[in-house]
Protein backbone atom coordinates (compact mmCIF):
# COMPACT_ATOMS: atom_id res chain seq x y z
CA MET A 1 105.64 7.51 245.11
CA ASN A 2 105.61 6.85 248.84
CA ALA A 3 102.28 6.10 250.46
CA PHE A 4 102.11 9.46 252.21
CA VAL A 5 101.94 11.27 248.85
CA LYS A 6 98.67 9.60 247.95
CA GLU A 7 97.43 9.99 251.51
CA LEU A 8 98.03 13.74 251.40
CA GLU A 9 96.02 13.92 248.19
CA GLN A 10 93.03 12.86 250.30
CA ASP A 11 93.42 16.13 252.23
CA LEU A 12 93.21 18.28 249.08
CA PRO A 13 89.63 19.47 249.81
CA LEU A 14 90.71 20.65 253.27
CA MET A 15 93.84 22.29 251.90
CA LYS A 16 91.73 24.09 249.29
CA GLU A 17 89.53 25.37 252.13
CA TRP A 18 92.57 26.81 253.93
CA PHE A 19 93.97 28.22 250.72
CA GLU A 20 90.76 29.89 249.61
CA HIS A 21 90.21 31.46 253.03
CA MET A 22 93.66 33.05 252.96
CA HIS A 23 93.23 34.07 249.33
CA ARG A 24 89.96 35.85 250.04
CA ASN A 25 91.50 37.67 253.01
CA PRO A 26 94.96 38.89 251.91
CA GLU A 27 97.09 41.15 254.09
CA LEU A 28 100.12 43.23 253.18
CA SER A 29 103.61 42.59 254.50
CA MET A 30 103.99 42.98 258.28
CA GLN A 31 100.23 43.64 258.60
CA GLU A 32 99.15 39.98 258.55
CA THR A 33 97.33 39.80 261.90
CA GLY A 34 94.27 37.93 260.60
CA THR A 35 96.31 35.48 258.52
CA ALA A 36 98.63 34.73 261.44
CA ASP A 37 95.64 34.14 263.73
CA TYR A 38 94.06 31.81 261.15
CA ILE A 39 97.23 29.75 260.71
CA ALA A 40 97.74 29.47 264.47
CA GLU A 41 94.12 28.37 264.88
CA GLN A 42 94.61 25.51 262.42
CA LEU A 43 97.85 24.44 264.10
CA ARG A 44 96.20 24.37 267.51
CA GLY A 45 93.49 22.16 266.05
CA PHE A 46 96.09 19.48 265.26
CA GLY A 47 96.72 19.17 269.01
CA ALA A 48 100.38 18.19 268.83
CA TYR A 49 102.51 21.30 268.47
CA GLU A 50 104.21 23.73 270.80
CA ILE A 51 103.16 26.99 269.16
CA ALA A 52 104.90 30.34 269.52
CA THR A 53 103.20 33.37 267.96
CA GLY A 54 104.30 36.96 267.52
CA VAL A 55 107.84 35.99 266.51
CA GLY A 56 109.17 38.95 264.54
CA LYS A 57 105.75 40.65 264.88
CA HIS A 58 103.45 38.15 263.15
CA GLY A 59 105.65 35.06 262.68
CA ILE A 60 104.70 31.63 264.02
CA VAL A 61 106.93 28.72 264.99
CA ALA A 62 105.25 25.36 265.58
CA THR A 63 107.48 22.68 267.12
CA LEU A 64 106.91 18.93 267.04
CA LYS A 65 109.26 16.37 268.61
CA ALA A 66 109.29 12.62 268.08
CA GLY A 67 111.60 9.91 269.35
CA ASN A 68 114.91 10.68 271.02
CA GLY A 69 116.84 12.18 268.10
CA ASP A 70 118.75 15.39 268.72
CA THR A 71 118.63 16.75 265.15
CA ALA A 72 116.24 19.60 264.37
CA ILE A 73 115.19 21.11 261.04
CA GLY A 74 113.16 24.18 260.11
CA LEU A 75 110.59 24.27 257.29
CA ARG A 76 109.64 27.80 256.26
CA ALA A 77 106.60 29.19 254.42
CA ASP A 78 105.64 32.84 253.89
CA PHE A 79 102.09 34.24 254.04
CA ASP A 80 102.00 37.93 253.03
CA ALA A 81 100.20 39.35 249.99
CA LEU A 82 100.98 42.08 247.43
CA PRO A 83 99.56 45.58 246.76
CA ILE A 84 98.13 44.45 243.40
CA GLN A 85 94.52 44.42 242.23
CA GLU A 86 93.53 40.87 241.28
CA GLN A 87 92.44 40.71 237.65
CA ASP A 88 90.15 37.71 237.38
CA ASP A 89 86.76 37.09 238.97
CA LEU A 90 87.59 33.87 240.83
CA PRO A 91 85.05 32.19 243.13
CA TYR A 92 87.50 32.88 245.98
CA LYS A 93 88.64 36.29 244.74
CA SER A 94 90.32 38.71 247.13
CA THR A 95 87.83 40.75 249.13
CA VAL A 96 90.38 43.49 249.81
CA GLU A 97 90.60 46.25 247.22
CA GLY A 98 94.08 46.58 245.75
CA VAL A 99 95.55 43.66 247.72
CA ALA A 100 95.90 40.08 246.47
CA HIS A 101 97.86 36.85 246.85
CA VAL A 102 99.35 36.94 243.35
CA CYS A 103 102.64 35.35 244.41
CA GLY A 104 101.21 32.18 245.93
CA HIS A 105 102.18 32.70 249.56
CA ASP A 106 98.69 31.54 250.52
CA GLY A 107 99.58 28.29 248.76
CA HIS A 108 102.93 28.09 250.54
CA ALA A 109 101.29 28.44 253.95
CA THR A 110 98.65 25.89 252.98
CA MET A 111 101.24 23.30 251.94
CA LEU A 112 103.05 23.64 255.25
CA LEU A 113 99.75 23.33 257.11
CA GLY A 114 99.00 20.18 255.14
CA ALA A 115 102.34 18.72 256.17
CA ALA A 116 101.72 19.83 259.77
CA LYS A 117 98.46 17.92 259.94
CA TYR A 118 100.05 14.74 258.56
CA LEU A 119 103.13 14.91 260.80
CA ALA A 120 101.02 15.53 263.90
CA ARG A 121 99.19 12.28 263.23
CA THR A 122 102.03 10.02 262.09
CA ARG A 123 105.17 11.30 263.87
CA ASN A 124 107.23 8.93 261.74
CA PHE A 125 110.54 10.67 262.40
CA ASN A 126 113.20 10.88 265.09
CA GLY A 127 114.08 14.42 266.15
CA THR A 128 112.49 17.86 266.02
CA VAL A 129 110.73 19.66 263.19
CA ARG A 130 109.98 23.37 263.47
CA LEU A 131 107.40 24.85 261.11
CA ILE A 132 108.26 28.50 260.46
CA PHE A 133 105.38 30.61 259.13
CA GLN A 134 106.92 33.93 258.13
CA PRO A 135 105.39 37.36 257.48
CA GLY A 136 106.76 40.17 255.34
CA GLU A 137 108.69 38.37 252.61
CA GLU A 138 107.70 40.79 249.85
CA THR A 139 109.30 43.74 251.64
CA MET A 140 112.36 41.80 252.86
CA GLU A 141 111.31 42.53 256.46
CA GLY A 142 109.93 39.26 257.79
CA ALA A 143 112.95 36.97 257.95
CA PRO A 144 115.23 39.64 259.49
CA ALA A 145 112.50 40.48 262.01
CA MET A 146 112.14 36.84 263.09
CA ILE A 147 115.92 36.43 263.29
CA ARG A 148 116.26 39.57 265.43
CA ASP A 149 113.53 38.19 267.67
CA GLY A 150 115.73 35.19 268.42
CA LEU A 151 114.34 32.71 265.88
CA PHE A 152 117.34 30.40 265.86
CA GLU A 153 118.31 30.95 269.50
CA ARG A 154 114.82 30.24 270.82
CA PHE A 155 114.08 27.51 268.28
CA PRO A 156 117.43 25.91 267.36
CA VAL A 157 117.73 24.00 264.08
CA ASP A 158 120.57 22.23 262.31
CA ALA A 159 119.27 23.15 258.85
CA VAL A 160 116.47 25.22 257.34
CA PHE A 161 114.51 24.74 254.12
CA GLY A 162 112.28 26.87 251.89
CA MET A 163 110.23 26.45 248.71
CA HIS A 164 108.44 28.65 246.14
CA ASN A 165 105.95 27.83 243.42
CA ILE A 166 106.98 28.95 239.92
CA PRO A 167 104.55 29.07 236.96
CA GLY A 168 106.02 27.96 233.66
CA LEU A 169 107.96 25.09 235.22
CA ASP A 170 106.49 21.59 234.91
CA ALA A 171 103.68 21.13 237.42
CA GLY A 172 104.71 19.04 240.41
CA LYS A 173 108.42 18.92 239.58
CA PHE A 174 111.08 20.10 242.04
CA TYR A 175 114.01 22.21 240.93
CA PHE A 176 117.15 22.44 243.07
CA HIS A 177 120.15 24.71 242.50
CA PRO A 178 123.34 24.58 244.61
CA GLY A 179 125.10 27.86 245.42
CA GLU A 180 123.80 31.27 244.35
CA MET A 181 120.17 30.83 243.31
CA MET A 182 118.47 34.22 243.76
CA ALA A 183 119.63 37.83 243.72
CA ALA A 184 120.08 40.54 246.30
CA VAL A 185 117.45 43.26 245.93
CA ASP A 186 117.28 46.95 246.79
CA ASN A 187 113.83 48.54 246.53
CA TRP A 188 114.14 52.33 246.43
CA GLU A 189 111.79 55.27 246.04
CA ILE A 190 113.01 58.40 244.28
CA GLU A 191 111.19 61.72 244.58
CA ILE A 192 111.87 64.40 241.96
CA THR A 193 110.68 67.87 242.94
CA GLY A 194 110.19 70.66 240.44
CA LYS A 195 107.70 73.52 240.21
CA GLY A 196 104.10 72.97 239.22
CA GLY A 197 102.30 75.11 236.69
CA HIS A 198 100.01 75.39 233.68
CA GLY A 199 100.55 72.85 230.92
CA GLY A 200 100.36 75.65 228.35
CA MET A 201 103.00 77.74 230.11
CA PRO A 202 105.86 75.30 230.79
CA GLU A 203 108.38 78.13 230.84
CA LEU A 204 106.92 79.20 234.19
CA ALA A 205 107.29 75.73 235.67
CA VAL A 206 110.02 73.16 236.29
CA ASP A 207 108.80 69.81 234.99
CA PRO A 208 109.73 66.79 237.17
CA VAL A 209 108.07 64.42 234.69
CA VAL A 210 110.59 65.26 231.99
CA ALA A 211 113.41 64.91 234.53
CA GLY A 212 111.98 61.61 235.72
CA ALA A 213 111.65 60.28 232.18
CA SER A 214 115.29 61.11 231.53
CA ILE A 215 116.28 59.36 234.76
CA VAL A 216 114.32 56.23 233.76
CA MET A 217 116.19 56.00 230.47
CA ALA A 218 119.58 56.81 231.97
CA LEU A 219 119.21 54.11 234.64
CA GLN A 220 118.92 51.51 231.88
CA SER A 221 122.55 52.13 230.96
CA ILE A 222 123.87 50.97 234.35
CA VAL A 223 123.64 47.22 233.77
CA SER A 224 124.20 47.25 230.00
CA ARG A 225 127.35 49.39 230.20
CA ASN A 226 128.80 48.54 233.61
CA VAL A 227 127.96 44.95 234.59
CA ALA A 228 130.07 42.22 233.00
CA PRO A 229 127.97 40.15 230.54
CA ALA A 230 128.90 37.00 232.47
CA HIS A 231 127.26 38.44 235.61
CA ARG A 232 123.57 38.89 236.28
CA ALA A 233 121.88 42.15 237.32
CA VAL A 234 118.83 44.22 236.48
CA VAL A 235 117.38 47.64 237.34
CA THR A 236 113.59 47.83 236.97
CA ILE A 237 111.50 50.97 237.41
CA GLY A 238 108.12 49.54 238.30
CA ALA A 239 106.23 52.73 239.13
CA PHE A 240 106.27 56.31 237.79
CA LEU A 241 103.73 58.44 239.65
CA ALA A 242 103.11 62.08 238.76
CA GLY A 243 100.20 64.46 238.29
CA LYS A 244 96.53 63.85 237.60
CA ALA A 245 95.74 66.03 234.57
CA GLY A 246 97.23 66.39 231.12
CA ASN A 247 97.14 70.18 231.18
CA VAL A 248 99.01 70.59 234.47
CA VAL A 249 102.75 70.44 235.09
CA ALA A 250 103.10 68.35 238.23
CA GLY A 251 105.06 69.62 241.19
CA ASN A 252 106.75 66.33 241.88
CA ALA A 253 107.21 62.81 240.54
CA ILE A 254 107.84 59.50 242.28
CA LEU A 255 109.86 56.65 240.79
CA ARG A 256 109.95 53.25 242.47
CA LEU A 257 112.67 50.89 241.40
CA SER A 258 114.09 47.48 242.12
CA ALA A 259 117.81 46.80 241.64
CA ARG A 260 118.91 43.16 241.67
CA THR A 261 122.51 42.00 241.77
CA THR A 262 124.42 38.79 242.46
CA THR A 263 127.83 39.99 243.71
CA PRO A 264 128.76 42.54 246.40
CA GLU A 265 130.94 44.43 243.91
CA ASP A 266 128.14 44.75 241.36
CA ARG A 267 125.68 45.81 244.06
CA GLU A 268 127.98 48.60 245.27
CA MET A 269 128.57 49.79 241.71
CA VAL A 270 124.90 49.65 240.65
CA LEU A 271 123.62 51.50 243.72
CA GLY A 272 126.37 54.11 243.46
CA ASN A 273 125.48 54.75 239.83
CA ILE A 274 121.79 55.07 240.66
CA ARG A 275 122.62 57.73 243.25
CA ARG A 276 124.89 59.59 240.82
CA ILE A 277 122.51 59.48 237.85
CA VAL A 278 119.49 60.56 239.89
CA ALA A 279 121.30 63.52 241.44
CA HIS A 280 122.89 64.78 238.22
CA GLN A 281 119.90 64.21 235.94
CA ALA A 282 117.54 65.97 238.35
CA GLU A 283 119.95 68.89 238.66
CA ALA A 284 120.32 69.13 234.88
CA PHE A 285 116.58 69.73 234.57
CA GLY A 286 116.44 72.22 237.43
CA CYS A 287 114.86 69.82 239.90
CA THR A 288 115.91 68.45 243.27
CA SER A 289 115.88 64.77 244.22
CA GLU A 290 115.56 62.57 247.28
CA ILE A 291 116.20 58.83 247.48
CA ARG A 292 114.48 56.72 250.13
CA GLU A 293 116.20 53.37 250.45
CA GLY A 294 114.18 50.30 251.43
CA VAL A 295 115.22 47.22 253.37
CA PRO A 296 118.00 45.55 251.34
CA GLY A 297 117.82 41.91 250.38
CA ALA A 298 120.70 39.44 250.15
CA VAL A 299 121.90 36.90 247.61
CA LEU A 300 120.28 33.54 248.35
CA VAL A 301 123.04 30.92 248.57
CA ASN A 302 122.07 27.27 248.91
CA ASP A 303 124.42 24.92 250.73
CA ALA A 304 125.66 22.39 248.16
CA GLY A 305 125.53 19.42 250.54
CA GLU A 306 122.06 20.22 251.84
CA THR A 307 120.82 20.79 248.29
CA GLU A 308 122.05 17.37 247.18
CA LYS A 309 120.56 15.75 250.29
CA ALA A 310 117.14 17.41 249.83
CA ALA A 311 117.10 16.51 246.13
CA GLY A 312 117.93 12.90 247.00
CA ILE A 313 115.05 12.77 249.47
CA ALA A 314 112.73 14.23 246.82
CA ARG A 315 113.88 11.63 244.27
CA ALA A 316 113.13 8.82 246.71
CA ALA A 317 109.66 10.20 247.37
CA PHE A 318 108.59 11.34 243.90
CA GLY A 319 110.87 9.58 241.40
CA ASP A 320 113.90 10.70 239.40
CA ASP A 321 111.76 12.26 236.67
CA ARG A 322 110.20 14.72 239.16
CA VAL A 323 113.51 16.21 240.38
CA VAL A 324 115.76 18.58 238.42
CA LEU A 325 119.30 19.24 239.66
CA PRO A 326 120.72 21.65 238.78
CA GLY A 327 117.59 23.69 238.24
CA PRO A 328 117.30 27.33 237.20
CA ALA A 329 118.59 30.35 239.08
CA ALA A 330 116.66 33.64 238.99
CA LEU A 331 117.07 37.39 239.50
CA ALA A 332 114.01 37.36 241.71
CA SER A 333 114.78 37.81 245.41
CA GLU A 334 113.88 36.11 248.67
CA ASP A 335 114.42 37.14 252.27
CA PHE A 336 114.88 33.44 253.07
CA ALA A 337 118.44 34.37 252.06
CA PHE A 338 118.88 35.86 255.54
CA MET A 339 117.94 32.56 257.16
CA LEU A 340 120.51 30.79 254.99
CA GLN A 341 123.13 33.24 256.23
CA GLU A 342 122.41 31.95 259.74
CA LYS A 343 121.90 28.23 259.07
CA LYS A 344 122.82 25.81 256.31
CA GLY A 345 119.97 24.63 254.13
CA THR A 346 118.45 24.97 250.69
CA TYR A 347 115.59 26.58 248.81
CA CYS A 348 113.85 24.94 245.85
CA PHE A 349 111.28 25.75 243.21
CA LEU A 350 108.08 23.74 242.78
CA GLY A 351 106.73 23.87 239.24
CA GLY A 352 103.23 25.28 238.93
CA GLY A 353 102.56 24.41 235.29
CA PRO A 354 101.31 26.79 232.58
CA GLY A 355 100.09 30.22 233.64
CA LYS A 356 100.97 33.84 234.21
CA MET A 357 104.07 34.57 236.27
CA VAL A 358 103.91 35.56 239.92
CA HIS A 359 103.30 39.28 240.60
CA ASN A 360 101.04 39.44 237.53
CA PRO A 361 97.42 40.55 238.24
CA GLY A 362 96.24 37.48 236.33
CA TYR A 363 98.39 34.96 238.20
CA HIS A 364 96.60 31.92 239.64
CA PHE A 365 98.13 29.46 242.09
CA ASN A 366 97.69 25.89 240.84
CA GLN A 367 95.83 24.23 243.71
CA ASP A 368 96.57 20.76 242.32
CA ILE A 369 100.16 21.07 243.58
CA LEU A 370 99.10 21.67 247.19
CA PRO A 371 99.44 18.01 248.23
CA VAL A 372 102.70 17.74 246.26
CA GLY A 373 104.29 20.58 248.21
CA ALA A 374 102.94 19.21 251.48
CA ALA A 375 104.36 15.79 250.61
CA TYR A 376 107.80 17.32 250.01
CA TRP A 377 107.80 18.76 253.53
CA VAL A 378 106.78 15.38 254.95
CA ALA A 379 109.40 13.54 252.91
CA LEU A 380 112.08 16.00 253.99
CA THR A 381 111.13 15.60 257.65
CA GLU A 382 111.02 11.81 257.55
CA GLY A 383 114.12 11.53 255.37
CA TYR A 384 116.25 14.00 257.30
CA LEU A 385 115.16 12.93 260.75
CA ARG A 386 115.58 9.17 260.46
């Protein structure tokens, strides 16, 4: 490994301090005022960056120039949390009821801060690096908000790069995938309205729970019967909310779903079938329905050339055995896809080792990979901006 990898390991206690502060104080998407202030405070302490805050509401862009090179790159990390109750009693457990960093965005922000500290001191590159700290990834709002706020006009870059920790992949290994790597996502809420009543007199009521249950099962036929087996898609109903008592017919039911697709044609077909099934199933049970569509995501497409270049830089820094190309693709989604629609670049996975998957209440970010992720950002900066 290059010398800076071992040097960054010396900063692990400080990185753990940053990480644990953000973990204890999680904030939901587009509400991350305290987290943004904390990140900006650390960046100011490095004394080398031009810092812009409030980009796309809570986004931060920290710019560092060295030498006379005219190439610029962007390194992006997200920092929002999820509306999930953390399961385990960690020493740095979330202090916010029902909100937790169970996707590792606190780790992502920490790794970029670790790289920021090192780069501010060494400046061993020739050009411009822009550190993009992004809010609102979980709701697909943050990247579009920063782009609308002039991210790439105000802070021009030639390429942009992202990274996500993934449990289950070998700890400290990097996984690169050219082309389509992650799916488009549509997060919708469906409300089924019936007529409430006594559980012992269902004939006097119109039961939205029965209608909703039928809708849940019918939606499962969309992918299995309509998407070609060679394609990838999934429809997940993650929440079914109705009633509070077993002896009461609820007046309404809420379904929250996530539809993930990898081609425009499949997306149009899947969403059209969801609309049709919801409307007809609700009507068949005597209920009415309303669909509230969330912010749509996009397919994340890595530039093949930039993927090969980033993987080559990672090999030089960490060794051939620590880089996998091609790595896995996933039906998870990322609003970094919108940045890649604007600028060439690539997104990679960093293995987190054994453990529960992200978005699980028992997920733990592996803090031992903090200096590894920070070292990747340093290697990419020094290797790209020679």
